[in-house]
Structures are given as C-alpha cells and as structure tokens.
Amino acid sequence: MRIFEGFNQSTNCPICRTNKEGKAVLLPDYSTEKDGNCEATQVHLDCLDLAIAKNDPDNNVIYQYIKTKED
C-alpha cells in the first residue's frame, strides 16, 4: 500500500470525516475496475485500524471496523 505524505484537502476521509493534514493511503474500489485501473478512496493512515479474519484457511479477510458514536 503506497503512503502519501499529504492528504488531498478537496475531499474528506470516510472514517474521521475530516480533511485534516496527514499521511494518506488510497483504498481501491474494485467494483469500478476496468482494464487494470479502478477508482479509489483517500483515507488518513492514522484512521486505519486493520484486523484479519481467519475464518477460512484458504481465504483470509483484512477489514476495518469503524466505531460509531453509539458504540
């Protein structure tokens, strides 16, 4: 995953909903893939809190759990 030093201020992070300055990553939206390219969503690196689900030894899933204010 490529890390960008600056956050593009024209959009908000979908996790913290801000556009504060900080390192960023682009998360691909594979449903938009065409000819090896796809759209991506910018996310603050500090907002990521990834985990792995090992439910199936052949297919592991890395996921992000996003807590809401009610959690």
C-alpha atoms as a PDB file:
ATOM      1  CA  MET A   1       0.000   0.000   0.000  1.00  0.00           C
ATOM      2  CA  ARG A   2       1.529   3.289  -1.078  1.00  0.00           C
ATOM      3  CA  ILE A   3       1.599   6.029   1.583  1.00  0.00           C
ATOM      4  CA  PHE A   4       1.224   9.660   0.507  1.00  0.00           C
ATOM      5  CA  GLU A   5       2.792  12.375   2.684  1.00  0.00           C
ATOM      6  CA  GLY A   6      -0.120  14.812   2.286  1.00  0.00           C
ATOM      7  CA  PHE A   7      -3.892  14.486   2.378  1.00  0.00           C
ATOM      8  CA  ASN A   8      -5.783  15.942  -0.617  1.00  0.00           C
ATOM      9  CA  GLN A   9      -7.779  18.761   1.004  1.00  0.00           C
ATOM     10  CA  SER A  10     -10.583  18.623  -1.596  1.00  0.00           C
ATOM     11  CA  THR A  11     -12.152  15.514  -0.031  1.00  0.00           C
ATOM     12  CA  ASN A  12     -12.883  14.122   3.441  1.00  0.00           C
ATOM     13  CA  CYS A  13     -11.674  10.879   4.980  1.00  0.00           C
ATOM     14  CA  PRO A  14     -14.651   8.473   5.185  1.00  0.00           C
ATOM     15  CA  ILE A  15     -13.571   7.330   8.661  1.00  0.00           C
ATOM     16  CA  CYS A  16     -13.000  10.595  10.586  1.00  0.00           C
ATOM     17  CA  ARG A  17     -14.968  12.744   8.104  1.00  0.00           C
ATOM     18  CA  THR A  18     -12.320  15.492   8.095  1.00  0.00           C
ATOM     19  CA  ASN A  19      -9.707  16.663   5.612  1.00  0.00           C
ATOM     20  CA  LYS A  20      -7.021  17.400   8.212  1.00  0.00           C
ATOM     21  CA  GLU A  21      -3.412  17.298   7.071  1.00  0.00           C
ATOM     22  CA  GLY A  22      -1.623  13.978   7.475  1.00  0.00           C
ATOM     23  CA  LYS A  23      -0.369  10.893   5.685  1.00  0.00           C
ATOM     24  CA  ALA A  24      -2.897   9.211   3.401  1.00  0.00           C
ATOM     25  CA  VAL A  25      -3.484   5.960   1.530  1.00  0.00           C
ATOM     26  CA  LEU A  26      -5.750   5.193  -1.401  1.00  0.00           C
ATOM     27  CA  LEU A  27      -8.123   2.244  -0.968  1.00  0.00           C
ATOM     28  CA  PRO A  28      -9.232   0.742  -4.298  1.00  0.00           C
ATOM     29  CA  ASP A  29     -12.873   0.235  -5.215  1.00  0.00           C
ATOM     30  CA  TYR A  30     -12.581  -2.962  -7.234  1.00  0.00           C
ATOM     31  CA  SER A  31     -16.206  -2.751  -8.364  1.00  0.00           C
ATOM     32  CA  THR A  32     -15.069   0.090 -10.655  1.00  0.00           C
ATOM     33  CA  GLU A  33     -12.127  -1.844 -12.168  1.00  0.00           C
ATOM     34  CA  LYS A  34     -11.669  -1.619 -15.921  1.00  0.00           C
ATOM     35  CA  ASP A  35      -8.536  -2.613 -17.843  1.00  0.00           C
ATOM     36  CA  GLY A  36      -6.452  -2.821 -14.642  1.00  0.00           C
ATOM     37  CA  ASN A  37      -7.486   0.616 -13.306  1.00  0.00           C
ATOM     38  CA  CYS A  38     -10.093   1.489 -10.687  1.00  0.00           C
ATOM     39  CA  GLU A  39     -11.366   4.378  -8.618  1.00  0.00           C
ATOM     40  CA  ALA A  40     -10.019   4.791  -5.087  1.00  0.00           C
ATOM     41  CA  THR A  41     -10.958   6.479  -1.821  1.00  0.00           C
ATOM     42  CA  GLN A  42      -8.448   8.532   0.159  1.00  0.00           C
ATOM     43  CA  VAL A  43      -8.155   7.651   3.869  1.00  0.00           C
ATOM     44  CA  HIS A  44      -5.904   9.038   6.617  1.00  0.00           C
ATOM     45  CA  LEU A  45      -3.248   6.481   7.513  1.00  0.00           C
ATOM     46  CA  ASP A  46      -3.786   7.252  11.220  1.00  0.00           C
ATOM     47  CA  CYS A  47      -7.509   6.399  10.898  1.00  0.00           C
ATOM     48  CA  LEU A  48      -6.839   2.818   9.817  1.00  0.00           C
ATOM     49  CA  ASP A  49      -7.146   0.129  12.479  1.00  0.00           C
ATOM     50  CA  LEU A  50      -6.974  -3.086  10.486  1.00  0.00           C
ATOM     51  CA  ALA A  51      -7.661  -6.642  11.632  1.00  0.00           C
ATOM     52  CA  ILE A  52      -7.617 -10.034   9.952  1.00  0.00           C
ATOM     53  CA  ALA A  53     -10.393 -12.619   9.994  1.00  0.00           C
ATOM     54  CA  LYS A  54      -9.086 -16.163   9.689  1.00  0.00           C
ATOM     55  CA  ASN A  55     -12.411 -17.936   9.229  1.00  0.00           C
ATOM     56  CA  ASP A  56     -11.267 -19.974   6.241  1.00  0.00           C
ATOM     57  CA  PRO A  57      -7.642 -21.157   5.930  1.00  0.00           C
ATOM     58  CA  ASP A  58      -7.751 -20.506   2.172  1.00  0.00           C
ATOM     59  CA  ASN A  59      -9.418 -17.059   2.275  1.00  0.00           C
ATOM     60  CA  ASN A  60      -8.395 -14.545   4.926  1.00  0.00           C
ATOM     61  CA  VAL A  61     -10.090 -11.150   5.064  1.00  0.00           C
ATOM     62  CA  ILE A  62      -8.459  -7.916   6.246  1.00  0.00           C
ATOM     63  CA  TYR A  63     -11.069  -5.476   7.495  1.00  0.00           C
ATOM     64  CA  GLN A  64     -11.587  -2.140   9.223  1.00  0.00           C
ATOM     65  CA  TYR A  65     -14.151  -1.893  11.995  1.00  0.00           C
ATOM     66  CA  ILE A  66     -15.469   1.659  12.268  1.00  0.00           C
ATOM     67  CA  LYS A  67     -16.998   2.533  15.630  1.00  0.00           C
ATOM     68  CA  THR A  68     -19.950   4.878  15.611  1.00  0.00           C
ATOM     69  CA  LYS A  69     -20.692   7.350  18.379  1.00  0.00           C
ATOM     70  CA  GLU A  70     -23.266   4.875  19.725  1.00  0.00           C
ATOM     71  CA  ASP A  71     -20.637   2.086  20.146  1.00  0.00           C
END
